[in-house]
N, C-alpha and C. Protein backbone atom coordinates (compact mmCIF):
# COMPACT_ATOMS: atom_id res chain seq x y z
N UNK A 1 72.34 105.58 71.10
CA UNK A 1 72.21 107.01 71.18
C UNK A 1 73.81 107.77 71.07
N UNK A 2 74.49 107.46 72.25
CA UNK A 2 75.65 108.05 72.50
C UNK A 2 76.27 107.20 71.45
N UNK A 3 76.56 105.92 70.85
CA UNK A 3 77.35 105.83 70.30
C UNK A 3 77.29 106.30 68.91
N UNK A 4 76.15 106.37 68.43
CA UNK A 4 76.40 107.21 66.91
C UNK A 4 76.43 108.53 67.01
N UNK A 5 76.63 109.03 68.39
CA UNK A 5 77.13 110.42 68.71
C UNK A 5 78.46 110.84 68.42
N UNK A 6 78.79 109.51 68.23
CA UNK A 6 80.59 109.13 68.84
C UNK A 6 80.94 109.02 67.46
N UNK A 7 79.81 108.96 66.63
CA UNK A 7 80.11 108.04 64.58
C UNK A 7 80.56 106.78 64.91
N UNK A 8 80.25 105.97 65.76
CA UNK A 8 80.55 104.55 66.05
C UNK A 8 79.31 104.25 64.69
N UNK A 9 80.18 102.73 64.11
CA UNK A 9 79.08 102.16 63.41
C UNK A 9 78.13 101.41 64.22
N UNK A 10 77.09 101.18 63.25
CA UNK A 10 75.93 100.48 64.05
C UNK A 10 76.20 98.61 64.69
N UNK A 11 77.37 98.49 64.25
CA UNK A 11 77.38 97.15 64.60
C UNK A 11 78.25 97.36 66.05
N UNK A 12 79.49 98.53 65.53
CA UNK A 12 80.30 98.30 66.76
C UNK A 12 79.45 99.19 68.38
N UNK A 13 78.33 99.78 67.95
CA UNK A 13 77.42 100.26 68.89
C UNK A 13 77.00 99.03 69.54
N UNK A 14 76.55 98.40 69.07
CA UNK A 14 75.90 96.91 69.19
C UNK A 14 76.58 96.37 69.88
N UNK A 15 77.65 95.94 69.73
CA UNK A 15 78.74 94.94 70.18
C UNK A 15 79.13 95.70 71.52
N UNK A 16 79.33 97.12 71.21
CA UNK A 16 79.89 97.63 72.83
C UNK A 16 78.77 97.88 73.80
N UNK A 17 77.63 98.28 73.48
CA UNK A 17 76.41 98.22 74.35
C UNK A 17 76.63 96.99 74.73
N UNK A 18 76.38 95.83 74.56
CA UNK A 18 76.32 94.36 75.14
C UNK A 18 77.74 94.44 76.01
N UNK A 19 78.55 94.57 75.55
CA UNK A 19 80.04 94.22 76.57
C UNK A 19 79.71 95.38 77.86
N UNK A 20 78.89 96.60 77.67
CA UNK A 20 79.09 97.51 78.97
C UNK A 20 77.96 97.22 79.71
N UNK A 21 76.62 96.34 79.19
CA UNK A 21 75.72 96.08 79.70
C UNK A 21 76.19 95.00 80.90
N UNK A 22 76.89 93.99 80.08
CA UNK A 22 77.45 92.58 80.80
C UNK A 22 78.25 93.42 81.88
N UNK A 23 79.41 94.27 81.32
CA UNK A 23 80.14 94.88 82.35
C UNK A 23 79.51 95.39 84.12
N UNK A 24 79.01 96.09 83.46
CA UNK A 24 77.66 97.07 85.01
C UNK A 24 76.73 96.10 85.10
N UNK A 25 76.49 94.53 84.89
CA UNK A 25 75.22 94.00 85.54
C UNK A 25 73.72 94.46 85.02
N UNK A 26 74.05 95.33 83.73
CA UNK A 26 72.50 95.68 83.47
C UNK A 26 72.13 94.73 82.46
N UNK A 27 72.77 93.77 82.09
CA UNK A 27 71.92 92.78 80.43
C UNK A 27 70.81 92.54 81.03
N UNK A 28 70.30 91.80 82.18
CA UNK A 28 68.80 91.31 82.37
C UNK A 28 68.02 92.54 82.30
N UNK A 29 68.25 93.79 82.76
CA UNK A 29 67.32 95.29 82.42
C UNK A 29 67.59 95.90 80.98
N UNK A 30 68.30 95.40 80.55
CA UNK A 30 68.10 95.90 79.15
C UNK A 30 67.32 96.75 78.61
N UNK A 31 65.94 95.92 79.22
CA UNK A 31 64.88 96.37 77.67
C UNK A 31 63.66 97.34 78.79
N UNK A 32 63.98 97.08 80.32
CA UNK A 32 63.15 97.43 81.19
C UNK A 32 63.27 99.23 81.13
N UNK A 33 61.86 99.82 81.26
CA UNK A 33 62.13 101.58 81.18
C UNK A 33 62.81 101.59 82.02
N UNK A 34 63.42 103.51 81.88
CA UNK A 34 64.44 103.48 82.66
C UNK A 34 63.95 103.92 84.39
N UNK A 35 62.64 104.49 84.38
CA UNK A 35 62.15 104.56 85.13
C UNK A 35 61.94 103.38 86.21
N UNK A 36 62.04 102.07 85.65
CA UNK A 36 62.06 101.13 86.70
C UNK A 36 63.67 100.98 87.68
N UNK A 37 64.39 101.69 87.03
CA UNK A 37 65.56 101.45 87.54
C UNK A 37 65.89 102.16 88.65
N UNK A 38 66.69 101.31 89.53
CA UNK A 38 67.10 101.84 91.00
C UNK A 38 68.29 103.20 90.77
N UNK A 39 68.32 103.76 91.75
CA UNK A 39 69.39 104.51 92.10
C UNK A 39 70.93 104.23 91.30
N UNK A 40 71.33 103.03 92.03
CA UNK A 40 72.35 102.69 91.56
C UNK A 40 72.50 102.07 90.58
N UNK A 41 71.22 101.73 89.44
CA UNK A 41 71.38 101.43 87.97
C UNK A 41 71.85 101.82 87.48
N UNK A 42 71.21 103.38 87.76
CA UNK A 42 70.58 104.49 86.76
C UNK A 42 72.10 105.31 86.71
N UNK A 43 73.14 105.12 87.78
CA UNK A 43 74.44 105.50 88.12
C UNK A 43 75.46 104.54 87.05
N UNK A 44 74.70 103.92 87.23
CA UNK A 44 75.86 102.56 86.57
C UNK A 44 75.81 103.04 84.83
N UNK A 45 74.52 103.11 84.90
CA UNK A 45 73.66 103.41 83.46
C UNK A 45 74.34 104.44 82.54
N UNK A 46 74.57 105.47 83.56
CA UNK A 46 75.31 106.93 83.13
C UNK A 46 76.67 106.51 83.00
N UNK A 47 77.45 105.90 83.73
CA UNK A 47 79.06 105.67 83.54
C UNK A 47 78.82 104.68 82.30
N UNK A 48 78.34 103.90 82.26
CA UNK A 48 78.16 102.91 81.01
C UNK A 48 78.05 104.12 79.58
N UNK A 49 77.04 104.60 79.62
CA UNK A 49 77.07 105.44 78.38
C UNK A 49 78.62 106.29 78.01
N UNK A 50 78.91 106.78 79.06
CA UNK A 50 80.05 107.86 79.13
C UNK A 50 81.26 106.88 78.40
N UNK A 51 81.38 105.53 78.51
CA UNK A 51 82.28 105.05 77.87
C UNK A 51 82.10 104.08 76.87
N UNK A 52 81.15 104.55 76.07
CA UNK A 52 80.78 103.77 74.91
C UNK A 52 82.06 104.27 73.90
N UNK A 53 82.66 105.17 74.04
CA UNK A 53 83.47 105.32 72.80
C UNK A 53 84.97 105.08 73.47
N UNK A 54 84.85 104.81 74.88
CA UNK A 54 86.22 104.09 75.35
C UNK A 54 86.99 105.81 75.51
N UNK A 55 86.45 106.55 76.22
CA UNK A 55 87.27 107.73 76.41
C UNK A 55 88.55 107.53 77.04
N UNK A 56 89.55 107.64 76.55
CA UNK A 56 90.88 108.14 77.67
C UNK A 56 90.85 109.02 79.32
N UNK A 57 89.87 109.82 78.59
CA UNK A 57 89.85 110.74 80.15
C UNK A 57 88.58 110.57 80.43
N UNK A 58 87.91 110.45 81.88
CA UNK A 58 87.08 110.22 82.43
C UNK A 58 86.34 111.43 83.31
N UNK A 59 85.06 112.17 83.23
CA UNK A 59 85.21 113.39 84.31
C UNK A 59 83.79 112.79 84.94
N UNK A 60 84.07 112.41 86.40
CA UNK A 60 82.75 112.11 86.99
C UNK A 60 82.51 113.19 88.33
N UNK A 61 81.26 113.74 88.18
CA UNK A 61 81.06 114.79 88.98
C UNK A 61 79.83 114.27 90.20
N UNK A 62 80.52 113.92 91.17
CA UNK A 62 80.22 113.80 92.71
C UNK A 62 79.08 111.98 92.35
N UNK A 63 79.71 111.02 91.68
CA UNK A 63 78.66 109.82 90.98
C UNK A 63 78.05 109.34 92.05
N UNK A 64 78.48 109.06 93.28
CA UNK A 64 77.83 107.92 94.07
C UNK A 64 76.97 109.15 95.15
N UNK A 65 76.77 110.53 94.83
CA UNK A 65 76.08 111.32 96.11
C UNK A 65 74.22 110.56 96.02
N UNK A 66 73.62 110.15 97.18
CA UNK A 66 72.53 109.34 96.89
C UNK A 66 72.52 107.99 96.66
N UNK A 67 73.58 108.00 96.75
CA UNK A 67 73.58 105.96 96.56
C UNK A 67 73.27 105.17 98.05
N UNK A 68 72.79 104.03 98.12
CA UNK A 68 72.83 103.59 99.12
C UNK A 68 74.42 102.52 99.35
N UNK A 69 74.42 102.50 100.14
CA UNK A 69 76.21 101.89 100.56
C UNK A 69 76.10 100.75 99.75
N UNK A 70 75.54 99.88 99.27
CA UNK A 70 75.69 99.03 98.13
C UNK A 70 75.81 99.19 97.25
N UNK A 71 74.80 100.17 96.76
CA UNK A 71 75.13 100.84 95.41
C UNK A 71 76.56 101.66 95.18
N UNK A 72 76.66 102.33 96.37
CA UNK A 72 78.10 103.40 96.16
C UNK A 72 79.36 102.08 96.24
N UNK A 73 79.21 100.90 96.87
CA UNK A 73 80.59 100.01 96.51
C UNK A 73 80.92 99.80 95.24
N UNK A 74 79.92 99.46 94.71
CA UNK A 74 79.58 98.79 93.47
C UNK A 74 79.84 99.61 92.04
N UNK A 75 79.57 101.02 92.52
CA UNK A 75 80.29 102.16 91.35
C UNK A 75 81.78 102.39 91.37
N UNK A 76 82.14 101.94 93.44
CA UNK A 76 83.55 102.03 93.67
C UNK A 76 84.42 101.11 92.92
N UNK A 77 83.97 100.13 93.06
CA UNK A 77 84.63 99.08 91.86
C UNK A 77 84.75 99.38 90.78
N UNK A 78 83.71 99.45 90.21
CA UNK A 78 83.59 99.94 88.80
C UNK A 78 84.79 100.98 88.46
N UNK A 79 84.80 101.92 89.26
CA UNK A 79 86.05 103.06 88.75
C UNK A 79 87.29 102.43 89.21
N UNK A 80 87.55 101.59 90.15
CA UNK A 80 88.98 101.03 90.13
C UNK A 80 89.06 100.31 89.10
N UNK A 81 88.35 99.75 88.55
CA UNK A 81 88.55 98.75 87.42
C UNK A 81 88.72 99.37 86.24
N UNK A 82 88.41 100.65 85.89
CA UNK A 82 88.62 101.44 84.61
C UNK A 82 89.93 101.88 85.01
N UNK A 83 90.13 102.85 85.90
CA UNK A 83 91.76 103.00 86.49
C UNK A 83 92.55 101.82 86.31
N UNK A 84 92.65 100.81 86.73
CA UNK A 84 93.39 99.49 86.25
C UNK A 84 93.51 99.23 85.13
N UNK A 85 92.36 99.51 84.21
CA UNK A 85 93.01 99.47 82.98
C UNK A 85 93.54 100.74 82.08
N UNK A 86 93.39 101.95 82.76
CA UNK A 86 94.39 102.71 82.37
C UNK A 86 93.69 103.71 82.02
N UNK A 87 92.26 103.72 82.37
CA UNK A 87 91.53 105.10 82.20
C UNK A 87 91.97 106.32 83.17
N UNK A 88 92.32 107.47 82.77
CA UNK A 88 92.34 108.55 83.72
C UNK A 88 90.90 109.22 83.90
N UNK A 89 90.53 108.95 85.57
CA UNK A 89 89.42 109.30 86.06
C UNK A 89 90.03 110.77 86.90
N UNK A 90 88.60 112.14 86.40
CA UNK A 90 88.93 112.86 87.33
C UNK A 90 87.45 113.14 88.12
N UNK A 91 87.13 112.93 89.06
CA UNK A 91 86.15 112.72 90.17
C UNK A 91 85.93 113.64 91.06
N UNK A 92 84.79 114.59 91.23
CA UNK A 92 84.49 115.32 92.39
C UNK A 92 83.47 114.85 93.24
N UNK A 93 83.82 115.21 94.75
CA UNK A 93 82.99 114.35 95.37
C UNK A 93 83.33 115.18 96.80
N UNK A 94 82.18 115.23 97.36
CA UNK A 94 82.49 115.90 99.33
C UNK A 94 82.33 114.63 99.94
N UNK A 95 82.75 113.10 99.38
CA UNK A 95 82.74 112.12 100.88
C UNK A 95 84.59 111.97 100.90
N UNK A 96 85.15 112.11 102.11
CA UNK A 96 86.55 112.20 102.02
C UNK A 96 86.92 110.53 101.88
N UNK A 97 85.94 109.76 102.74
CA UNK A 97 86.71 108.38 102.74
C UNK A 97 86.70 108.06 101.04
N UNK A 98 85.85 108.27 99.74
CA UNK A 98 85.75 108.30 98.58
C UNK A 98 86.64 108.95 98.23
N UNK A 99 87.32 109.78 98.40
CA UNK A 99 88.48 110.15 97.89
C UNK A 99 89.76 109.70 98.57
N UNK A 100 89.85 109.33 99.55
CA UNK A 100 90.57 108.26 100.14
C UNK A 100 91.10 106.81 99.58
N UNK A 101 89.60 106.39 98.97
CA UNK A 101 89.75 104.76 98.63
C UNK A 101 90.38 105.25 97.07
N UNK A 102 89.70 106.17 96.53
CA UNK A 102 89.81 105.77 95.03
C UNK A 102 91.16 106.75 94.29
N UNK A 103 90.93 108.02 95.01
CA UNK A 103 92.45 108.85 94.21
C UNK A 103 93.61 108.38 94.21
N UNK A 104 94.64 108.50 93.91
CA UNK A 104 96.38 108.75 93.29
C UNK A 104 96.32 110.04 94.03
N UNK A 105 95.66 111.21 93.76
CA UNK A 105 96.13 112.35 93.95
C UNK A 105 94.73 113.39 94.29
N UNK A 106 94.83 114.15 95.26
CA UNK A 106 93.62 114.98 95.43
C UNK A 106 93.61 116.03 95.59
N UNK A 107 92.93 117.26 94.98
CA UNK A 107 93.15 118.46 95.34
C UNK A 107 91.85 119.14 96.01
N UNK A 108 92.09 120.03 96.93
CA UNK A 108 90.81 120.77 97.50
C UNK A 108 90.81 122.02 97.26
N UNK A 109 89.28 122.12 96.51
CA UNK A 109 88.96 123.53 96.36
C UNK A 109 87.87 123.68 97.21
N UNK A 110 88.24 125.21 97.20
CA UNK A 110 87.34 126.34 97.99
C UNK A 110 87.42 127.73 97.25
N UNK A 111 85.95 127.81 97.37
CA UNK A 111 85.81 128.95 96.65
C UNK A 111 85.87 129.01 95.18
N UNK A 112 85.77 127.97 94.41
CA UNK A 112 86.38 127.93 93.18
C UNK A 112 88.15 127.87 93.16
N UNK A 113 88.98 127.91 93.58
CA UNK A 113 90.10 127.84 94.06
C UNK A 113 91.29 126.57 94.47
N UNK A 114 91.78 125.99 93.58
CA UNK A 114 92.63 125.01 94.34
C UNK A 114 93.51 125.69 95.82
N UNK A 115 93.41 125.13 96.84
CA UNK A 115 94.30 125.71 97.87
C UNK A 115 94.99 124.33 98.60
N UNK A 116 94.79 123.04 98.39
CA UNK A 116 95.96 122.48 98.18
C UNK A 116 95.97 120.62 97.21
N UNK A 117 96.99 120.34 97.73
CA UNK A 117 97.07 119.31 95.96
C UNK A 117 98.25 118.27 96.74
N UNK A 118 97.86 117.18 96.56
CA UNK A 118 98.85 115.91 96.42
C UNK A 118 97.83 114.87 96.78
N UNK A 119 99.22 113.75 97.46
CA UNK A 119 98.31 111.92 97.70
C UNK A 119 98.00 112.33 98.90
N UNK A 120 96.47 111.40 98.93
CA UNK A 120 95.71 111.14 100.13
C UNK A 120 96.68 110.76 101.21
N UNK A 121 97.97 110.43 101.81
CA UNK A 121 98.61 109.68 102.49
C UNK A 121 99.34 111.60 102.66
N UNK A 122 99.53 112.16 101.73
CA UNK A 122 100.60 113.53 102.51
C UNK A 122 99.63 114.76 102.54
N UNK A 123 98.14 114.37 102.24
CA UNK A 123 97.14 115.59 102.52
C UNK A 123 96.72 115.11 104.12
N UNK A 124 96.82 113.63 104.22
CA UNK A 124 96.17 113.46 104.77
C UNK A 124 96.90 112.93 106.46
N UNK A 125 98.07 113.64 106.80
CA UNK A 125 98.61 113.16 107.68
C UNK A 125 100.29 114.25 107.78
N UNK A 126 101.39 113.66 108.07
CA UNK A 126 102.55 114.23 107.97
C UNK A 126 102.69 115.74 107.11
N UNK A 127 102.13 116.20 106.10
CA UNK A 127 102.53 117.58 105.21
C UNK A 127 102.11 118.46 105.95
N UNK A 128 100.57 118.27 106.31
CA UNK A 128 99.60 119.41 106.64
C UNK A 128 99.17 119.37 108.10
N UNK A 129 99.57 118.63 108.71
CA UNK A 129 99.32 118.56 110.40
C UNK A 129 99.79 118.10 111.46
N UNK A 130 99.55 117.08 112.48
CA UNK A 130 100.33 116.65 113.38
C UNK A 130 99.27 115.30 113.80
N UNK A 131 100.71 114.24 113.89
CA UNK A 131 100.15 112.87 114.30
C UNK A 131 99.44 113.14 115.79
N UNK A 132 99.02 112.29 116.77
CA UNK A 132 99.13 112.26 118.18
C UNK A 132 99.64 110.97 118.51
N UNK A 133 100.81 110.77 119.34
CA UNK A 133 101.08 109.82 119.92
C UNK A 133 100.79 109.45 121.37
N UNK A 134 100.18 108.31 121.69
CA UNK A 134 99.74 107.79 122.85
C UNK A 134 100.39 106.73 123.23
N UNK A 135 100.68 106.60 124.74
CA UNK A 135 101.21 105.68 125.57
C UNK A 135 101.21 105.82 126.84
N UNK A 136 101.51 105.03 127.58
CA UNK A 136 101.36 104.50 128.90
C UNK A 136 103.07 103.84 129.26
N UNK A 137 103.54 104.10 130.62
CA UNK A 137 104.53 103.41 131.02
C UNK A 137 103.94 102.47 132.10
N UNK A 138 104.61 101.53 132.47
CA UNK A 138 104.14 100.64 133.54
C UNK A 138 104.39 100.94 134.87
N UNK A 139 103.88 100.56 135.71
CA UNK A 139 103.57 100.96 136.98
C UNK A 139 104.03 102.51 137.34
N UNK A 140 102.87 103.35 136.58
CA UNK A 140 102.99 104.77 136.76
C UNK A 140 104.48 105.33 136.34
N UNK A 141 105.35 104.97 135.66
CA UNK A 141 106.81 104.78 135.81
C UNK A 141 106.52 106.33 134.85
N UNK A 142 107.94 107.35 134.69
CA UNK A 142 107.68 108.53 134.46
C UNK A 142 109.18 108.76 133.08
N UNK A 143 109.02 109.71 132.24
CA UNK A 143 110.21 109.60 131.35
C UNK A 143 110.98 110.62 131.74
N UNK A 144 112.17 109.24 132.40
CA UNK A 144 113.22 110.51 133.55
C UNK A 144 114.17 110.95 132.71
N UNK A 145 114.24 110.54 131.06
CA UNK A 145 115.09 111.41 130.47
C UNK A 145 114.06 111.69 129.24
N UNK A 146 113.03 112.89 129.23
CA UNK A 146 112.41 112.80 127.86
C UNK A 146 113.00 112.95 126.82
N UNK A 147 113.05 112.48 126.17
CA UNK A 147 113.38 112.31 124.57
C UNK A 147 112.88 113.31 123.32
N UNK A 148 111.45 113.34 123.83
CA UNK A 148 110.65 114.41 123.14
C UNK A 148 109.67 114.68 124.74
N UNK A 149 108.77 116.19 123.82
CA UNK A 149 107.95 116.89 124.75
C UNK A 149 106.70 116.00 124.78
N UNK A 150 106.65 115.56 126.33
CA UNK A 150 105.36 114.76 126.35
C UNK A 150 104.51 115.30 127.13
N UNK A 151 102.92 115.45 126.75
CA UNK A 151 102.14 115.82 128.18
C UNK A 151 101.44 114.54 128.61
N UNK A 152 101.53 114.31 130.21
CA UNK A 152 101.32 113.43 130.38
C UNK A 152 99.22 113.77 131.24
N UNK A 153 98.26 112.81 131.07
CA UNK A 153 97.09 113.20 131.69
C UNK A 153 97.51 112.60 132.96
N UNK A 154 95.75 112.92 133.85
CA UNK A 154 95.70 112.79 135.07
C UNK A 154 95.47 111.25 135.21
N UNK A 155 95.15 110.51 134.45
CA UNK A 155 95.46 108.46 134.58
C UNK A 155 96.68 108.15 133.78
N UNK A 156 97.84 109.27 133.65
CA UNK A 156 99.19 108.40 132.99
C UNK A 156 99.28 108.23 132.02
N UNK A 157 98.57 108.80 131.15
CA UNK A 157 98.71 108.44 129.69
C UNK A 157 99.62 109.73 128.92
N UNK A 158 100.63 109.36 128.07
CA UNK A 158 101.56 110.41 127.91
C UNK A 158 100.88 110.68 126.28
N UNK A 159 101.28 111.83 126.09
CA UNK A 159 100.62 112.20 124.46
C UNK A 159 101.56 112.94 124.12
N UNK A 160 101.94 112.93 122.97
CA UNK A 160 102.84 113.35 122.07
C UNK A 160 102.50 114.12 120.74
N UNK A 161 102.37 115.33 120.19
CA UNK A 161 101.73 115.90 118.99
C UNK A 161 103.06 116.29 118.36
N UNK A 162 102.97 115.59 117.23
CA UNK A 162 104.04 116.02 116.59
C UNK A 162 103.47 116.07 114.94
N UNK A 163 104.42 116.61 113.86
CA UNK A 163 104.44 116.64 112.16
C UNK A 163 105.60 115.74 112.23
N UNK A 164 106.52 115.19 112.63
CA UNK A 164 107.06 114.41 112.19
C UNK A 164 107.22 112.56 113.20
N UNK A 165 106.31 112.27 112.62
CA UNK A 165 105.84 111.20 113.70
C UNK A 165 106.95 109.87 113.43
N UNK A 166 107.52 109.81 111.79
CA UNK A 166 108.40 108.41 112.11
C UNK A 166 109.57 109.13 113.06
N UNK A 167 110.00 110.41 113.23
CA UNK A 167 111.64 110.44 113.97
C UNK A 167 111.12 110.29 115.12
N UNK A 168 109.90 110.91 115.70
CA UNK A 168 109.52 111.01 117.26
C UNK A 168 109.61 109.68 117.64
N UNK A 169 108.90 108.46 116.95
CA UNK A 169 108.68 106.87 117.12
C UNK A 169 109.97 106.37 117.72
N UNK A 170 110.72 106.84 116.22
CA UNK A 170 112.31 106.21 116.75
C UNK A 170 113.14 106.61 117.64
N UNK A 171 112.56 107.80 118.05
CA UNK A 171 113.83 108.57 119.52
C UNK A 171 112.93 107.87 120.42
N UNK A 172 111.68 107.75 120.81
CA UNK A 172 110.63 107.13 121.63
C UNK A 172 111.42 105.47 122.22
N UNK A 173 111.44 104.91 120.58
CA UNK A 173 112.03 103.61 120.38
C UNK A 173 113.22 103.42 121.38
N UNK A 174 114.08 104.44 120.67
CA UNK A 174 115.58 103.90 120.94
C UNK A 174 115.72 104.82 123.15
N UNK A 175 114.94 105.31 123.72
CA UNK A 175 114.64 105.87 124.70
C UNK A 175 114.37 104.75 125.72
N UNK A 176 113.26 103.84 125.02
CA UNK A 176 113.31 102.75 125.98
C UNK A 176 113.84 101.77 125.90
N UNK A 177 114.55 101.44 124.81
CA UNK A 177 115.61 100.31 124.67
C UNK A 177 117.00 100.65 125.59
N UNK A 178 117.70 101.94 125.81
CA UNK A 178 118.35 102.34 126.52
C UNK A 178 117.86 102.63 127.94
N UNK A 179 116.74 102.93 128.05
CA UNK A 179 116.29 102.76 129.64
C UNK A 179 115.64 101.65 130.13
N UNK A 180 115.77 100.50 129.29
CA UNK A 180 114.96 99.16 129.65
C UNK A 180 113.46 99.18 129.96
N UNK A 181 112.84 100.59 129.49
CA UNK A 181 111.44 100.95 129.88
C UNK A 181 110.48 100.38 128.69
N UNK A 182 109.55 99.30 129.32
CA UNK A 182 108.58 98.98 128.49
C UNK A 182 107.52 100.21 127.80
N UNK A 183 107.35 100.49 126.90
CA UNK A 183 106.31 101.45 126.60
C UNK A 183 105.24 100.63 126.41
N UNK A 184 103.98 100.93 127.44
CA UNK A 184 102.16 99.95 126.96
C UNK A 184 101.73 100.68 126.11
N UNK A 185 100.60 100.04 125.41
CA UNK A 185 99.23 100.52 124.45
C UNK A 185 99.60 101.45 123.83
N UNK A 186 101.08 101.45 123.07
CA UNK A 186 101.24 102.75 122.03
C UNK A 186 100.28 102.86 121.03
N UNK A 187 99.94 103.84 120.55
CA UNK A 187 98.73 104.02 119.71
C UNK A 187 99.00 105.28 118.77
N UNK A 188 98.82 105.65 117.36
CA UNK A 188 98.85 106.46 116.85
C UNK A 188 98.11 107.31 115.73
N UNK A 189 97.39 108.43 116.15
CA UNK A 189 96.38 108.78 115.70
C UNK A 189 96.66 109.99 114.48
N UNK A 190 96.21 109.66 113.56
CA UNK A 190 96.58 110.29 112.24
C UNK A 190 95.46 111.64 111.63
N UNK A 191 95.90 112.62 111.35
CA UNK A 191 94.76 113.39 110.56
C UNK A 191 93.93 112.51 109.47
N UNK A 192 92.76 112.59 109.26
CA UNK A 192 92.15 112.13 108.74
C UNK A 192 91.99 113.27 107.16
N UNK A 193 91.40 112.72 106.10
CA UNK A 193 91.03 113.44 104.96
C UNK A 193 89.97 114.36 105.57
N UNK A 194 88.96 113.94 106.31
CA UNK A 194 88.06 115.24 106.67
C UNK A 194 88.46 116.42 107.42
N UNK A 195 89.84 115.64 108.66
CA UNK A 195 90.21 116.57 109.23
C UNK A 195 91.17 117.63 108.41
N UNK A 196 91.88 117.11 107.43
CA UNK A 196 92.62 117.93 106.62
C UNK A 196 91.80 119.05 105.77
N UNK A 197 90.64 118.14 105.19
CA UNK A 197 89.86 119.44 104.51
C UNK A 197 89.02 120.31 105.59
N UNK A 198 88.64 120.55 106.91
CA UNK A 198 88.03 121.48 107.49
C UNK A 198 89.36 122.02 107.96
N UNK A 199 90.73 121.78 108.35
CA UNK A 199 91.53 122.89 108.55
C UNK A 199 91.45 123.58 107.36
N UNK A 200 91.99 123.04 106.23
CA UNK A 200 92.15 124.35 105.11
C UNK A 200 91.05 125.05 104.56
N UNK A 201 90.11 124.23 104.63
CA UNK A 201 88.59 125.27 104.20
C UNK A 201 88.53 126.25 105.52
N UNK A 202 89.00 126.15 106.61
CA UNK A 202 88.41 127.12 107.57
C UNK A 202 86.90 126.46 108.15
N UNK A 203 86.19 125.87 107.76
CA UNK A 203 84.89 125.49 108.39
C UNK A 203 84.70 125.59 109.08
N UNK A 204 83.30 126.46 108.99
CA UNK A 204 82.49 126.34 110.81
C UNK A 204 81.43 126.03 110.24
N UNK A 205 80.72 125.55 111.39
CA UNK A 205 79.22 124.54 111.17
C UNK A 205 78.27 125.88 110.20
N UNK A 206 78.14 127.05 110.77
CA UNK A 206 76.82 128.11 110.48
C UNK A 206 78.11 128.70 108.89
N UNK A 207 78.81 128.07 108.58
CA UNK A 207 79.76 128.78 106.54
C UNK A 207 78.65 128.16 105.64
N UNK A 208 78.87 129.31 104.70
CA UNK A 208 77.89 128.48 103.54
C UNK A 208 78.65 128.49 102.27
N UNK A 209 80.17 128.39 102.67
CA UNK A 209 81.22 128.23 101.34
C UNK A 209 81.25 126.63 101.08
N UNK A 210 81.61 127.00 99.56
CA UNK A 210 81.27 126.07 98.90
C UNK A 210 82.77 125.45 98.44
N UNK A 211 82.70 124.13 99.04
CA UNK A 211 84.40 123.28 99.47
C UNK A 211 84.12 121.57 98.84
N UNK A 212 84.92 121.58 97.97
CA UNK A 212 84.69 119.97 97.65
C UNK A 212 86.16 119.52 97.26
N UNK A 213 86.62 118.22 97.52
CA UNK A 213 87.52 117.86 96.79
C UNK A 213 87.67 117.33 95.20
N UNK A 214 88.02 117.15 94.55
CA UNK A 214 88.72 116.49 93.21
C UNK A 214 89.67 115.76 93.57
N UNK A 215 89.36 114.56 93.15
CA UNK A 215 90.18 113.25 93.20
C UNK A 215 90.56 112.59 91.81
N UNK A 216 91.69 112.62 91.44
CA UNK A 216 92.01 111.90 90.15
C UNK A 216 93.18 110.64 90.36
N UNK A 217 92.69 109.54 89.72
CA UNK A 217 93.13 108.56 89.36
C UNK A 217 93.51 108.14 88.21
N UNK A 218 94.49 106.91 87.79
CA UNK A 218 94.49 106.76 86.81
C UNK A 218 95.51 105.74 86.32
C-alpha cells in the first residue's frame, strides 16, 4: 500500500518489499498477521514501510520507546546502516545514550524551543560544563608549586574542576615532570549528555516540563 501511494509500479513495489523484508529480517514473518509481531518487529516494519520509496530524509519520533534491549540494539544498527548509505535521519528521543550513539549533531528542545545545539562531544563536555580531574600524589605528597587550583579531600585525593580539560592536564603533566613527581590514579570524569540535559533544561524531579533531544545523522 505504501508503495502504491508513492506511485511506484506493482513490479517495483514487489521488488522493494522483498528487499526490505530481507534487510529487516522480517521475510519469514511476511505472511503472519501483524498482531503476532513483537514490539521490535513492529518497529522494524514501520521503518521498512517508511523506506519503501527510498526517501533522502527520514523523520523518526522516539523509534525505540518500549523496546527491549535486543530490539533497541537491532533498530540502532538499522539506523546506522541507513546513515552510512547516505540517508539523513532526524530522530527525536528521550534516551541520552541513544542520541550520543547515533547522532552527528543534537539539539536540546525545551518547551518547544531549541535551547542548545551541537555535536554530542561539544554538548557532552567542554563547551557547556566542566570536567573533574582526580589524582593522588605518592606518600601523601602535596602540590608544592600548585599549577592549577585543586581541592584535596581528607583521604588525599586531589580534585580539579575545569572547563579547560586539555590545558589543565598539560599544565599538570609539565609540573609533574619538572618536579619529578609521580601522579597516581589519574581519572577524568566528563559531563554526559544526561548531565547536560538536566543543566540546560533546569530539570527538577517535580517538573512537568516537556523536554527532549532531537538527534540528526547523515
